[in-house]
Protein backbone atom coordinates (compact mmCIF):
# COMPACT_ATOMS: atom_id res chain seq x y z
CA MET A 1 174.39 28.97 46.03
CA PHE A 2 171.87 31.77 46.33
CA PRO A 3 170.78 32.61 49.90
CA ARG A 4 167.06 32.20 49.15
CA LEU A 5 167.67 28.82 47.57
CA LYS A 6 169.57 27.72 50.66
CA LEU A 7 166.64 28.81 52.82
CA LEU A 8 164.17 26.93 50.65
CA ARG A 9 166.28 23.78 50.80
CA ARG A 10 166.50 24.14 54.58
CA LEU A 11 162.70 24.43 54.80
CA GLN A 12 162.31 21.35 52.60
CA GLU A 13 163.94 19.33 55.38
CA VAL A 14 160.67 19.64 57.28
CA HIS A 15 158.30 17.02 55.91
CA LEU A 16 155.07 18.04 57.64
CA SER A 17 151.81 19.31 56.29
CA PRO A 18 150.14 22.04 58.36
CA GLU A 19 147.69 19.47 59.72
CA GLU A 20 150.53 17.14 60.73
CA ALA A 21 152.36 20.02 62.40
CA TRP A 22 149.31 20.92 64.50
CA ALA A 23 148.77 17.26 65.41
CA LEU A 24 152.42 17.01 66.45
CA LEU A 25 152.06 20.10 68.60
CA GLU A 26 148.99 18.63 70.29
CA ARG A 27 150.80 15.34 70.94
CA VAL A 28 153.78 17.12 72.47
CA LYS A 29 151.50 19.19 74.73
CA THR A 30 150.19 16.05 76.40
CA PRO A 31 152.38 14.44 79.09
CA PRO A 32 152.93 11.01 77.52
CA SER A 33 154.54 12.43 74.35
CA SER A 34 157.20 10.30 72.70
CA ALA A 35 160.86 11.23 72.34
CA GLU A 36 160.45 11.06 68.54
CA ASP A 37 157.62 13.63 68.66
CA ARG A 38 159.69 15.94 70.84
CA GLU A 39 162.69 15.60 68.49
CA ARG A 40 160.57 16.35 65.40
CA LEU A 41 159.13 19.43 67.08
CA ALA A 42 162.59 20.59 68.14
CA HIS A 43 163.85 20.15 64.55
CA LEU A 44 160.87 22.06 63.19
CA ILE A 45 161.49 24.92 65.63
CA ARG A 46 165.24 25.00 64.84
CA VAL A 47 164.71 25.13 61.07
CA THR A 48 161.97 27.73 61.30
CA THR A 49 164.03 29.92 63.63
CA GLU A 50 167.16 29.70 61.45
CA VAL A 51 165.28 30.56 58.28
CA THR A 52 163.43 33.43 59.96
CA ASP A 53 166.67 34.85 61.38
CA GLN A 54 168.37 34.67 57.98
CA LEU A 55 165.45 36.34 56.24
CA ARG A 56 165.45 39.15 58.78
CA ALA A 57 169.22 39.59 58.46
CA GLU A 58 169.17 39.90 54.66
CA PRO A 59 169.38 43.49 53.46
CA ASP A 60 166.41 44.69 51.48
CA VAL A 61 167.24 45.08 47.83
CA PRO A 62 165.31 48.03 46.44
CA ALA A 63 163.26 47.30 43.37
CA PRO A 64 164.16 49.36 40.30
CA SER A 65 162.01 52.41 39.87
CA VAL A 66 159.34 52.50 37.19
CA SER A 67 161.31 55.04 35.16
CA GLN A 68 164.39 52.76 35.17
CA ARG A 69 162.33 49.79 33.99
CA LEU A 70 160.67 51.84 31.25
CA ALA A 71 164.02 53.30 30.17
CA SER A 72 165.50 49.84 29.66
CA GLN A 73 162.42 48.79 27.68
CA ARG A 74 162.70 51.92 25.52
CA GLN A 75 166.39 51.26 24.91
CA ALA A 76 165.68 47.69 23.84
CA LYS A 77 162.86 48.81 21.55
CA ARG A 78 165.04 51.54 20.01
CA LYS A 79 167.86 49.04 19.43
CA ARG A 80 165.45 46.70 17.62
CA GLN A 81 164.21 49.61 15.49
CA VAL A 82 167.77 50.57 14.51
CA VAL A 83 168.66 46.99 13.60
CA LYS A 84 165.48 46.62 11.57
CA ALA A 85 166.16 49.87 9.68
CA ALA A 86 169.75 48.80 8.99
CA ARG A 87 168.51 45.53 7.50
CA ARG A 88 166.12 47.42 5.24
CA ARG A 89 168.91 49.70 4.04
CA HIS A 90 171.21 46.76 3.42
CA TRP A 91 168.78 44.83 1.21
CA ARG A 92 167.86 47.72 -1.08
């Protein structure tokens, strides 16, 4: 499985909207917070930390330069032109 896909699946384990996450944080800040709230916050922190660490550890893959992208487009266009010309020659 691709690393990014694994990270996305890991993040999908957290079922909180931003508003719910802030509300959870506020509940945990107050002294009578429930064990369930503390566990949800701990899970959220664990997942976020793991994903962040993995993203930071991944090597940056350089994007192809503009000239490389244009060269591949030119090659594809030239190949189409050659095939088209060959078809014309064949049908004459």
